């Protein structure tokens, strides 16, 4: 049983939505955010990444950054303008990227259910990133970017979502990355709320730090409120929930900056002890249990030898990202913790294998690994077992946009 709450969204007027909408704060660095927001004072990146409006020497976690976020938020409310919905509502949010279409329900969800793991997680969070978004939420008294949730397909919800899209949309625009964003306000919220009570669980697909930060902000606000009763807006977090059979996961590839004082030939010899190697392979692996490696201007195919495959049916140990870590990145390259080791970096699926080649050819990496995407079934299976996926296991595409729906707390 899942609790779903309509909310009075703060949102841009229709004709300004495309200007306001911004990629999630954590998929761009400061330089990329500054370039994307250039010449667009309405871009929500001025709120989600406010350091772009401050001198370079200002630290991204300094007090001035959160003060700038608050200042830019108030300016956007006045100048855009942002309007507040007349009554609590639910929203239908459709993303179209090429031939791929996914349609979800934007709403508020229970932080109590998140804290109790009824909203299931598959990823560990970093304290510094939690600190950042918690301060951001408290500075604005608002959640400005939705968490991306999935649920197992539900026929009644599919029907309600389909019916809600028969009306004129609130927004319908194509972003610079060619993703079309269409949003409707559900004409009646109650049937959707009722249908969600039949959904046994929700799963965080993307946005673990946003959800964790909403929970931490709730603790702070509850402590400040001597009249706390439990139904305040800060007890809920903003999210969009999609049926699992509609979402897509792209590969989350790896690059490593050096070979650990080995020559390419020495490195290949060590890899060959654990993997069957083929030369002149295609850049993208065609199936699970296969990897591609770009080294010294050439693509190699990798298949793990049987004696190194895990015997247990552990859903985490059998992930391709886990097998690569346990059989190559750690024992051969000495990368034990991908969360902290500066020698490794990650390239999200939309950038493709050409980006891997570029980074190696330009000397920014010594070797690159192309992976077969983790599946949604993998995510559900690991989450149901209470497991944690290795960092950077999933890259969901297309991305939700910040700034279209804001939850004030």
Protein backbone atom coordinates (compact mmCIF):
# COMPACT_ATOMS: atom_id res chain seq x y z
CA UNK A 1 0.00 0.00 0.00
CA UNK A 2 1.52 3.29 -1.16
CA UNK A 3 0.46 6.71 0.11
CA UNK A 4 0.21 9.41 -2.56
CA UNK A 5 -0.51 13.08 -1.85
CA UNK A 6 -1.74 15.81 -4.20
CA UNK A 7 0.05 19.12 -3.65
CA UNK A 8 -0.26 22.76 -4.60
CA UNK A 9 2.59 22.98 -7.05
CA UNK A 10 4.57 26.15 -7.59
CA UNK A 11 5.20 26.12 -11.33
CA UNK A 12 6.04 28.32 -14.32
CA UNK A 13 3.35 29.83 -16.49
CA UNK A 14 2.81 27.83 -19.68
CA UNK A 15 4.71 30.12 -22.06
CA UNK A 16 7.84 30.12 -19.86
CA UNK A 17 8.07 26.42 -19.02
CA UNK A 18 10.65 25.58 -21.68
CA UNK A 19 12.92 28.41 -20.49
CA UNK A 20 12.66 27.43 -16.84
CA UNK A 21 13.05 23.66 -17.21
CA UNK A 22 16.59 22.48 -16.45
CA UNK A 23 18.47 19.21 -16.36
CA UNK A 24 18.93 17.71 -12.88
CA UNK A 25 21.55 19.52 -10.82
CA UNK A 26 23.73 16.42 -10.48
CA UNK A 27 24.20 15.52 -14.17
CA UNK A 28 26.25 18.64 -14.95
CA UNK A 29 29.27 20.25 -13.35
CA UNK A 30 29.57 23.98 -12.68
CA UNK A 31 31.07 24.80 -16.07
CA UNK A 32 28.41 22.83 -17.94
CA UNK A 33 25.63 24.39 -15.87
CA UNK A 34 27.00 27.88 -16.53
CA UNK A 35 27.10 27.22 -20.27
CA UNK A 36 23.56 25.81 -20.34
CA UNK A 37 22.14 28.78 -18.40
CA UNK A 38 24.05 31.43 -20.35
CA UNK A 39 21.74 34.10 -21.77
CA UNK A 40 18.73 32.51 -20.04
CA UNK A 41 17.97 34.25 -16.74
CA UNK A 42 14.92 31.99 -16.27
CA UNK A 43 16.86 28.71 -16.34
CA UNK A 44 16.29 26.81 -13.13
CA UNK A 45 20.02 26.10 -13.03
CA UNK A 46 20.35 29.57 -11.44
CA UNK A 47 18.48 28.05 -8.48
CA UNK A 48 19.73 24.45 -8.49
CA UNK A 49 23.37 25.35 -9.27
CA UNK A 50 23.57 28.95 -7.99
CA UNK A 51 27.37 28.96 -7.91
CA UNK A 52 27.19 29.71 -11.65
CA UNK A 53 26.30 33.29 -10.65
CA UNK A 54 29.18 33.67 -8.21
CA UNK A 55 32.94 34.12 -8.74
CA UNK A 56 34.93 30.95 -9.37
CA UNK A 57 36.81 31.28 -6.10
CA UNK A 58 33.61 30.86 -4.06
CA UNK A 59 33.37 27.26 -2.84
CA UNK A 60 30.33 25.36 -4.11
CA UNK A 61 29.30 24.50 -0.53
CA UNK A 62 29.86 27.95 0.97
CA UNK A 63 27.08 29.86 2.73
CA UNK A 64 27.05 32.35 -0.14
CA UNK A 65 25.89 29.64 -2.54
CA UNK A 66 22.75 28.81 -0.56
CA UNK A 67 22.00 32.48 -0.04
CA UNK A 68 22.32 32.96 -3.80
CA UNK A 69 19.96 30.04 -4.36
CA UNK A 70 17.36 31.73 -2.14
CA UNK A 71 17.84 35.07 -3.87
CA UNK A 72 17.59 33.56 -7.37
CA UNK A 73 14.52 31.55 -6.36
CA UNK A 74 12.65 34.64 -5.18
CA UNK A 75 13.65 36.51 -8.34
CA UNK A 76 12.37 33.65 -10.52
CA UNK A 77 9.05 33.55 -8.65
CA UNK A 78 8.55 37.25 -9.32
CA UNK A 79 9.94 37.59 -12.83
CA UNK A 80 8.92 34.36 -14.56
CA UNK A 81 6.42 34.39 -12.87
CA UNK A 82 5.93 31.15 -10.98
CA UNK A 83 2.34 30.53 -9.95
CA UNK A 84 0.85 28.39 -7.19
CA UNK A 85 -1.85 25.87 -8.09
CA UNK A 86 -5.30 26.80 -6.76
CA UNK A 87 -5.84 23.40 -5.19
CA UNK A 88 -3.78 20.29 -4.39
CA UNK A 89 -3.30 18.32 -7.59
CA UNK A 90 -1.58 15.37 -9.22
CA UNK A 91 0.18 15.60 -12.58
CA UNK A 92 0.90 13.31 -15.49
CA UNK A 93 4.41 13.74 -16.91
CA UNK A 94 5.34 12.21 -20.27
CA UNK A 95 8.85 12.09 -21.71
CA UNK A 96 9.55 11.16 -25.31
CA UNK A 97 13.09 10.52 -26.54
CA UNK A 98 13.14 9.25 -30.11
CA UNK A 99 10.92 6.17 -30.17
CA UNK A 100 10.99 5.76 -26.40
CA UNK A 101 8.00 7.07 -24.41
CA UNK A 102 7.37 6.88 -20.66
CA UNK A 103 4.50 8.42 -18.72
CA UNK A 104 4.52 8.86 -14.96
CA UNK A 105 2.54 10.39 -12.11
CA UNK A 106 3.98 13.44 -10.36
CA UNK A 107 2.93 13.68 -6.73
CA UNK A 108 4.21 13.83 -3.19
CA UNK A 109 5.13 10.64 -1.37
CA UNK A 110 5.58 9.71 2.27
CA UNK A 111 8.92 10.30 3.99
CA UNK A 112 7.74 7.90 6.70
CA UNK A 113 7.47 5.18 4.04
CA UNK A 114 10.91 6.16 2.71
CA UNK A 115 12.44 5.96 6.20
CA UNK A 116 10.78 2.55 6.76
CA UNK A 117 12.15 1.19 3.44
CA UNK A 118 8.66 0.76 2.02
CA UNK A 119 10.08 2.97 -0.71
CA UNK A 120 13.02 0.78 -1.59
CA UNK A 121 16.55 1.87 -2.37
CA UNK A 122 19.39 0.26 -4.30
CA UNK A 123 22.20 2.78 -3.81
CA UNK A 124 24.26 4.20 -0.97
CA UNK A 125 24.39 7.97 -0.65
CA UNK A 126 27.34 10.23 0.02
CA UNK A 127 27.17 12.43 3.11
CA UNK A 128 28.59 15.51 1.37
CA UNK A 129 25.94 15.34 -1.36
CA UNK A 130 23.21 14.83 1.23
CA UNK A 131 24.50 17.84 3.17
CA UNK A 132 24.37 19.97 0.02
CA UNK A 133 20.79 19.18 -0.99
CA UNK A 134 19.54 19.31 2.62
CA UNK A 135 20.90 22.84 2.94
CA UNK A 136 19.40 23.70 -0.45
CA UNK A 137 15.94 22.47 0.60
CA UNK A 138 16.09 24.34 3.90
CA UNK A 139 17.33 27.55 2.26
CA UNK A 140 14.43 27.55 -0.18
CA UNK A 141 11.85 25.79 2.01
CA UNK A 142 11.08 23.85 -1.14
CA UNK A 143 11.90 20.64 -2.99
CA UNK A 144 12.70 21.71 -6.53
CA UNK A 145 13.68 18.53 -8.36
CA UNK A 146 11.64 15.31 -8.37
CA UNK A 147 12.89 11.89 -7.33
CA UNK A 148 12.44 9.26 -10.08
CA UNK A 149 10.41 6.29 -8.77
CA UNK A 150 9.22 3.10 -10.44
CA UNK A 151 6.48 0.63 -9.57
CA UNK A 152 5.48 -2.71 -11.00
CA UNK A 153 2.89 -2.25 -13.80
CA UNK A 154 -0.67 -1.70 -12.61
CA UNK A 155 -3.58 -1.90 -15.05
CA UNK A 156 -5.87 0.54 -13.23
CA UNK A 157 -3.17 3.19 -12.97
CA UNK A 158 -2.38 2.75 -16.67
CA UNK A 159 -6.04 3.40 -17.46
CA UNK A 160 -6.25 6.49 -15.23
CA UNK A 161 -3.06 7.95 -16.69
CA UNK A 162 -4.32 7.36 -20.22
CA UNK A 163 -7.63 9.09 -19.46
CA UNK A 164 -5.88 12.09 -17.89
CA UNK A 165 -3.86 12.70 -21.06
CA UNK A 166 -7.02 13.31 -23.10
CA UNK A 167 -7.15 16.93 -21.93
CA UNK A 168 -5.08 19.91 -23.08
CA UNK A 169 -1.60 19.71 -21.49
CA UNK A 170 -0.21 22.32 -19.15
CA UNK A 171 3.16 22.09 -20.91
CA UNK A 172 4.37 20.60 -24.15
CA UNK A 173 7.86 21.49 -25.36
CA UNK A 174 11.00 19.88 -26.74
CA UNK A 175 14.19 20.58 -24.82
CA UNK A 176 17.55 21.32 -26.49
CA UNK A 177 18.52 17.64 -26.15
CA UNK A 178 15.46 16.71 -28.29
CA UNK A 179 13.52 15.19 -25.38
CA UNK A 180 9.84 16.15 -25.49
CA UNK A 181 8.27 17.02 -22.12
CA UNK A 182 4.47 17.00 -21.85
CA UNK A 183 2.56 17.51 -18.62
CA UNK A 184 -1.13 17.42 -17.69
CA UNK A 185 -2.90 18.21 -14.44
CA UNK A 186 -5.02 15.20 -13.48
CA UNK A 187 -8.66 16.35 -13.56
CA UNK A 188 -9.45 14.28 -10.43
CA UNK A 189 -6.83 13.08 -7.96
CA UNK A 190 -8.86 10.69 -5.79
CA UNK A 191 -8.99 7.69 -8.19
CA UNK A 192 -5.22 7.77 -8.64
CA UNK A 193 -4.68 8.01 -4.88
CA UNK A 194 -7.01 5.02 -4.40
CA UNK A 195 -5.28 2.96 -7.10
CA UNK A 196 -1.87 3.50 -5.53
CA UNK A 197 -3.15 1.79 -2.38
CA UNK A 198 -3.01 -1.44 -4.40
CA UNK A 199 0.66 -0.91 -5.27
CA UNK A 200 2.80 -2.98 -2.87
CA UNK A 201 6.04 -1.01 -3.14
CA UNK A 202 7.86 1.84 -4.84
CA UNK A 203 11.50 1.79 -5.90
CA UNK A 204 13.92 4.69 -6.26
CA UNK A 205 15.35 4.59 -9.74
CA UNK A 206 17.20 7.90 -9.63
CA UNK A 207 17.42 10.59 -6.97
CA UNK A 208 18.63 8.76 -3.85
CA UNK A 209 20.34 11.93 -2.61
CA UNK A 210 17.21 14.03 -3.15
CA UNK A 211 15.11 11.58 -1.16
CA UNK A 212 17.66 11.26 1.65
CA UNK A 213 17.95 15.05 1.83
CA UNK A 214 14.18 15.48 2.02
CA UNK A 215 14.19 13.09 4.98
CA UNK A 216 16.98 15.01 6.72
CA UNK A 217 15.27 18.35 6.05
CA UNK A 218 12.09 16.93 7.59
CA UNK A 219 14.01 16.11 10.78
CA UNK A 220 15.33 19.66 11.00
CA UNK A 221 11.93 21.27 10.38
CA UNK A 222 10.16 18.94 12.78
CA UNK A 223 12.60 19.91 15.53
CA UNK A 224 11.90 23.57 14.83
CA UNK A 225 8.12 23.10 14.97
CA UNK A 226 6.72 22.72 18.50
CA UNK A 227 3.27 22.06 17.01
CA UNK A 228 4.32 19.24 14.67
CA UNK A 229 1.44 16.83 14.02
CA UNK A 230 2.69 14.81 11.03
CA UNK A 231 0.61 16.12 8.14
CA UNK A 232 2.82 19.11 7.33
CA UNK A 233 4.13 19.37 3.77
CA UNK A 234 7.69 18.71 4.93
CA UNK A 235 6.62 15.13 5.72
CA UNK A 236 6.42 14.37 1.98
CA UNK A 237 8.81 14.50 -0.94
CA UNK A 238 8.32 15.35 -4.59
CA UNK A 239 8.64 12.50 -7.10
CA UNK A 240 7.44 11.15 -10.42
CA UNK A 241 6.50 7.45 -10.41
CA UNK A 242 6.64 5.43 -13.64
CA UNK A 243 5.55 1.86 -14.38
CA UNK A 244 8.68 -0.30 -14.53
CA UNK A 245 7.89 -1.66 -17.99
CA UNK A 246 8.14 1.83 -19.52
CA UNK A 247 11.50 3.06 -18.23
CA UNK A 248 14.85 2.42 -19.88
CA UNK A 249 18.33 2.06 -18.45
CA UNK A 250 21.35 2.83 -20.59
CA UNK A 251 24.87 1.58 -20.01
CA UNK A 252 26.97 3.28 -17.32
CA UNK A 253 30.48 2.92 -18.68
CA UNK A 254 33.89 3.23 -17.00
CA UNK A 255 37.22 4.84 -17.81
CA UNK A 256 40.49 4.38 -15.89
CA UNK A 257 43.25 6.96 -16.07
CA UNK A 258 46.26 4.62 -15.93
CA UNK A 259 47.21 0.94 -16.13
CA UNK A 260 49.04 0.87 -12.80
CA UNK A 261 52.58 1.06 -14.18
CA UNK A 262 51.91 -1.69 -16.74
CA UNK A 263 52.42 -1.58 -20.46
CA UNK A 264 49.32 -2.32 -22.58
CA UNK A 265 50.78 -5.75 -23.36
CA UNK A 266 51.36 -6.59 -19.70
CA UNK A 267 47.86 -5.41 -18.85
CA UNK A 268 46.32 -7.57 -21.61
CA UNK A 269 48.17 -10.62 -20.34
CA UNK A 270 46.71 -10.16 -16.87
CA UNK A 271 43.20 -9.61 -18.22
CA UNK A 272 43.53 -12.79 -20.31
CA UNK A 273 44.04 -14.87 -17.16
CA UNK A 274 40.44 -14.17 -16.13
CA UNK A 275 38.68 -13.34 -19.39
CA UNK A 276 38.42 -14.82 -22.85
CA UNK A 277 39.61 -12.03 -25.18
CA UNK A 278 38.64 -11.28 -28.77
CA UNK A 279 40.05 -8.50 -30.92
CA UNK A 280 38.35 -5.98 -33.19
CA UNK A 281 35.08 -6.31 -31.25
CA UNK A 282 32.06 -4.06 -31.66
CA UNK A 283 32.14 -1.12 -29.19
CA UNK A 284 28.91 -2.11 -27.38
CA UNK A 285 28.48 -5.58 -25.87
CA UNK A 286 25.50 -7.42 -27.41
CA UNK A 287 24.41 -9.30 -24.30
CA UNK A 288 24.69 -9.62 -20.56
CA UNK A 289 27.89 -11.27 -19.39
CA UNK A 290 30.00 -9.60 -22.07
CA UNK A 291 32.15 -6.48 -21.83
CA UNK A 292 34.04 -4.33 -24.30
CA UNK A 293 37.41 -2.74 -23.57
CA UNK A 294 39.05 0.09 -25.55
CA UNK A 295 42.80 0.00 -25.21
CA UNK A 296 45.61 1.35 -27.39
CA UNK A 297 43.21 2.30 -30.20
CA UNK A 298 41.43 -1.05 -30.35
CA UNK A 299 38.21 -2.60 -29.05
CA UNK A 300 38.47 -5.96 -27.28
CA UNK A 301 35.66 -8.31 -26.33
CA UNK A 302 35.73 -9.80 -22.81
CA UNK A 303 33.88 -12.86 -21.50
CA UNK A 304 34.59 -14.04 -17.97
CA UNK A 305 36.02 -17.55 -17.71
CA UNK A 306 33.76 -20.06 -15.98
CA UNK A 307 36.09 -20.62 -13.01
CA UNK A 308 35.74 -16.96 -12.01
CA UNK A 309 31.95 -16.78 -12.16
CA UNK A 310 30.18 -16.60 -8.77
CA UNK A 311 28.57 -19.85 -7.68
CA UNK A 312 25.80 -18.26 -5.61
CA UNK A 313 22.66 -16.70 -7.04
CA UNK A 314 23.34 -13.40 -5.23
CA UNK A 315 21.59 -10.77 -7.41
CA UNK A 316 24.30 -8.19 -6.67
CA UNK A 317 27.32 -10.44 -7.25
CA UNK A 318 25.98 -11.47 -10.65
CA UNK A 319 25.54 -7.96 -12.00
CA UNK A 320 27.90 -7.12 -14.86
CA UNK A 321 29.16 -4.07 -12.95
CA UNK A 322 30.00 -6.32 -9.97
CA UNK A 323 31.74 -8.95 -12.09
CA UNK A 324 33.90 -6.30 -13.78
CA UNK A 325 34.79 -4.80 -10.41
CA UNK A 326 35.63 -8.10 -8.73
CA UNK A 327 37.59 -9.59 -11.63
CA UNK A 328 39.36 -6.66 -13.26
CA UNK A 329 39.09 -3.24 -11.67
CA UNK A 330 40.06 -4.43 -8.20
CA UNK A 331 42.48 -7.37 -8.69
CA UNK A 332 44.23 -6.04 -11.80
CA UNK A 333 43.98 -2.25 -11.60
CA UNK A 334 43.84 -1.96 -7.81
CA UNK A 335 40.62 0.09 -7.75
CA UNK A 336 38.94 -1.07 -4.57
CA UNK A 337 36.38 1.68 -3.99
CA UNK A 338 34.98 3.32 -7.10
CA UNK A 339 33.26 5.92 -4.93
CA UNK A 340 36.55 7.40 -3.75
CA UNK A 341 39.30 6.33 -6.17
CA UNK A 342 40.25 9.29 -8.38
CA UNK A 343 41.71 7.01 -11.07
CA UNK A 344 38.26 5.91 -12.25
CA UNK A 345 35.45 7.92 -13.78
CA UNK A 346 32.08 7.16 -15.30
CA UNK A 347 30.44 8.01 -18.60
CA UNK A 348 26.64 8.00 -18.73
CA UNK A 349 24.92 6.02 -21.44
CA UNK A 350 23.64 8.89 -23.56
CA UNK A 351 27.22 9.93 -24.35
CA UNK A 352 27.86 6.60 -26.04
CA UNK A 353 30.98 4.63 -26.83
CA UNK A 354 32.38 7.39 -29.04
CA UNK A 355 32.98 9.39 -25.87
CA UNK A 356 34.98 6.49 -24.43
CA UNK A 357 37.15 6.39 -27.54
CA UNK A 358 37.69 10.15 -27.41
CA UNK A 359 38.81 10.13 -23.79
CA UNK A 360 41.34 7.37 -24.43
CA UNK A 361 42.63 8.81 -27.71
CA UNK A 362 43.13 12.24 -26.09
CA UNK A 363 45.09 10.71 -23.21
CA UNK A 364 42.48 11.51 -20.56
CA UNK A 365 42.13 7.78 -19.86
CA UNK A 366 44.33 4.76 -20.47
CA UNK A 367 41.51 2.26 -20.88
CA UNK A 368 37.73 2.34 -21.18
CA UNK A 369 35.08 -0.28 -20.52
CA UNK A 370 31.72 -0.50 -22.28
CA UNK A 371 29.04 -2.41 -20.35
CA UNK A 372 25.70 -4.00 -21.16
CA UNK A 373 22.99 -2.02 -19.34
CA UNK A 374 21.68 -3.15 -16.00
CA UNK A 375 18.00 -4.06 -16.36
CA UNK A 376 14.99 -2.77 -14.47
CA UNK A 377 14.36 -6.35 -13.30
CA UNK A 378 17.85 -6.33 -11.79
CA UNK A 379 17.00 -3.17 -9.89
CA UNK A 380 13.73 -4.57 -8.55
CA UNK A 381 15.32 -7.88 -7.59
CA UNK A 382 18.21 -6.26 -5.73
CA UNK A 383 15.92 -3.78 -3.99
CA UNK A 384 13.45 -6.49 -2.92
CA UNK A 385 16.35 -8.45 -1.42
CA UNK A 386 17.46 -5.39 0.54
CA UNK A 387 20.69 -5.27 -1.45
CA UNK A 388 22.79 -2.35 -2.59
CA UNK A 389 24.01 -2.10 -6.16
CA UNK A 390 27.58 -1.03 -6.85
CA UNK A 391 27.92 2.73 -7.44
CA UNK A 392 27.11 3.93 -10.95
CA UNK A 393 25.17 0.80 -11.92
CA UNK A 394 22.26 2.51 -13.67
CA UNK A 395 21.87 5.46 -16.02
CA UNK A 396 18.21 6.28 -16.61
CA UNK A 397 17.36 8.21 -19.74
CA UNK A 398 15.57 10.48 -20.48
CA UNK A 399 15.98 12.68 -17.43
CA UNK A 400 13.23 14.54 -15.60
CA UNK A 401 13.52 18.33 -15.57
CA UNK A 402 13.91 20.53 -12.51
CA UNK A 403 11.72 23.57 -12.05
CA UNK A 404 8.51 22.43 -13.72
CA UNK A 405 6.89 21.38 -10.44
CA UNK A 406 8.09 22.68 -7.08
CA UNK A 407 6.90 21.44 -3.70
CA UNK A 408 6.98 24.16 -1.04
CA UNK A 409 7.44 22.95 2.50
